[in-house]
Structure formats: C-alpha cells, structure tokens
Protein backbone atom coordinates (compact mmCIF):
# COMPACT_ATOMS: atom_id res chain seq x y z
CA MET A 1 7.62 9.38 -5.44
CA SER A 2 9.83 11.65 -3.37
CA TYR A 3 9.61 15.41 -3.11
CA LYS A 4 11.57 18.06 -1.26
CA LEU A 5 9.31 20.53 0.51
CA PRO A 6 10.07 24.28 0.52
CA ASP A 7 11.40 24.01 4.09
CA GLY A 8 14.02 21.49 2.87
CA THR A 9 12.45 18.38 4.36
CA GLY A 10 11.46 15.55 2.08
CA VAL A 11 8.43 13.32 1.77
CA THR A 12 8.01 9.96 0.04
CA HIS A 13 4.90 7.98 -0.83
CA VAL A 14 3.89 5.13 -3.13
CA VAL A 15 1.30 6.64 -5.47
CA LEU A 16 0.62 3.79 -7.93
CA HIS A 17 0.72 0.01 -7.67
CA LYS A 18 0.98 -2.81 -10.22
CA ILE A 19 1.36 -0.57 -13.26
CA LEU A 20 2.05 -2.24 -16.60
CA VAL A 21 5.44 -1.42 -18.14
CA THR A 22 4.95 -1.53 -21.91
CA GLN A 23 8.46 -0.64 -23.05
CA VAL A 24 11.95 0.13 -21.74
CA GLN A 25 14.43 1.93 -23.98
CA GLY A 26 18.07 2.81 -23.34
CA GLY A 27 20.26 1.63 -20.52
CA VAL A 28 22.17 -1.56 -21.07
CA ALA A 29 21.36 -4.65 -23.06
CA PRO A 30 20.44 -7.73 -21.03
CA ALA A 31 23.14 -10.36 -20.70
CA SER A 32 22.94 -13.10 -23.28
CA SER A 33 22.47 -16.68 -22.14
CA SER A 34 26.10 -17.39 -23.05
CA ASP A 35 27.12 -14.62 -20.62
CA ALA A 36 25.02 -16.07 -17.80
CA LYS A 37 26.91 -17.09 -14.69
CA ASP A 38 26.17 -19.90 -12.27
CA SER A 39 22.40 -20.44 -12.18
CA SER A 40 22.45 -20.29 -8.37
CA GLN A 41 22.90 -16.50 -8.58
CA THR A 42 19.75 -14.45 -8.44
CA ALA A 43 18.63 -12.47 -11.47
CA ALA A 44 19.02 -9.24 -9.50
CA ALA A 45 22.64 -10.00 -8.69
CA ALA A 46 23.41 -10.82 -12.31
CA ALA A 47 21.44 -7.94 -13.83
CA PRO A 48 23.57 -5.28 -15.50
CA VAL A 49 23.44 -1.75 -14.14
CA ALA A 50 22.16 1.01 -16.44
CA THR A 51 24.89 3.50 -17.33
CA GLN A 52 22.75 5.86 -19.36
CA SER A 53 19.24 7.27 -19.29
CA LEU A 54 16.25 4.99 -19.56
CA MET A 55 12.87 5.75 -21.05
CA VAL A 56 10.17 3.65 -19.41
CA THR A 57 6.71 3.64 -20.97
CA LEU A 58 3.91 2.90 -18.53
CA GLY A 59 0.41 1.69 -19.37
CA VAL A 60 -1.57 4.14 -17.23
CA THR A 61 -4.82 6.07 -17.37
CA SER A 62 -4.84 9.85 -17.70
CA ALA A 63 -5.54 10.18 -13.98
CA GLN A 64 -2.62 7.85 -13.15
CA ALA A 65 -0.30 9.75 -15.50
CA GLU A 66 -0.80 13.01 -13.60
CA PRO A 67 1.15 12.09 -10.43
CA VAL A 68 3.87 10.44 -12.53
CA VAL A 69 4.34 13.58 -14.61
CA TRP A 70 4.21 15.77 -11.50
CA GLY A 71 6.85 13.62 -9.82
CA MET A 72 9.10 13.72 -12.88
CA GLU A 73 8.79 17.51 -13.08
CA HIS A 74 9.05 18.39 -9.39
CA GLY A 75 10.50 15.43 -7.50
CA THR A 76 11.93 11.98 -7.99
CA VAL A 77 10.13 8.91 -9.29
CA TRP A 78 11.28 5.42 -8.33
CA LEU A 79 10.06 2.25 -10.01
CA THR A 80 9.95 -1.15 -8.37
CA LEU A 81 8.80 -4.59 -9.45
CA GLU A 82 5.64 -5.77 -7.65
CA PRO A 83 4.30 -9.29 -8.03
CA ASP A 84 0.62 -9.74 -8.89
CA ASP A 85 -0.11 -10.79 -5.31
CA ALA A 86 1.74 -7.89 -3.64
CA ASP A 87 0.04 -6.42 -0.57
CA THR A 88 -0.51 -2.77 -1.49
CA GLY A 89 -2.24 -1.72 1.71
CA GLY A 90 -0.77 0.06 4.66
CA THR A 91 1.25 2.69 2.81
CA THR A 92 1.72 6.12 4.30
CA VAL A 93 3.50 9.35 3.46
CA ILE A 94 7.02 9.08 4.85
CA SER A 95 8.67 12.23 6.14
CA PRO A 96 11.52 13.11 8.51
CA SER A 97 9.02 13.14 11.38
CA ASN A 98 8.01 9.48 10.97
CA VAL A 99 10.67 7.65 8.93
CA PHE A 100 12.16 6.11 12.08
CA THR A 101 8.87 5.46 13.90
CA GLU A 102 6.83 3.63 11.24
CA ALA A 103 6.53 -0.13 11.52
CA TYR A 104 7.88 -1.57 8.25
CA GLN A 105 6.80 -5.14 7.66
C-alpha cells in the first residue's frame, strides 16, 4: 500500500501476504490457447494488459479487510502474486528517507 503524507512525501509498505484471490471481474479476457504464442515466452510476457477497471475479491478476515479498505480510500493498493513459499520477512515502511538506502534482496 502506498500513501501520500500531508507534507507531500509518500510511504509504501506491504501490509498483507499470501491472501487468497477468490474472483477477478472486468479487465480483459485471457488469451485462448489458439492465440498462444511460442511456448518459450513467459506467461507474464504473453498476458494481456487490462484496459478497464478490475474488481478483485479477496478472501480476508475483517481485520485484514481494514487496511485494504483504508488503502483504497486514502492511498493506492498494489497486488502482486506470491508463491506459497515466499519469504515474507524483512519488510519495512519505505519512504523518501530510506528508499535508496535499504538493502533489497
């Protein structure tokens, strides 16, 4: 989630990990198998880009829903795909004062 502070600086932090996506509506339809290109291309490279709004339904608890709703109302929410074995430790709030000094591994 990213948020612009009253002084104009921004902060970013991962607030939830490994959340179940139960439904995605809108955007673009996935390419059919007949539209698939050379199998050596990665799925990400072949994935169509959404040209309209998406509605993503997340399987979260009430407590987990609160920061998502707050971020949607007051900031920006970004979703990313995490594998089951993703290392979720070592996150920190990123701000203009540390974005260039953090060790990203």
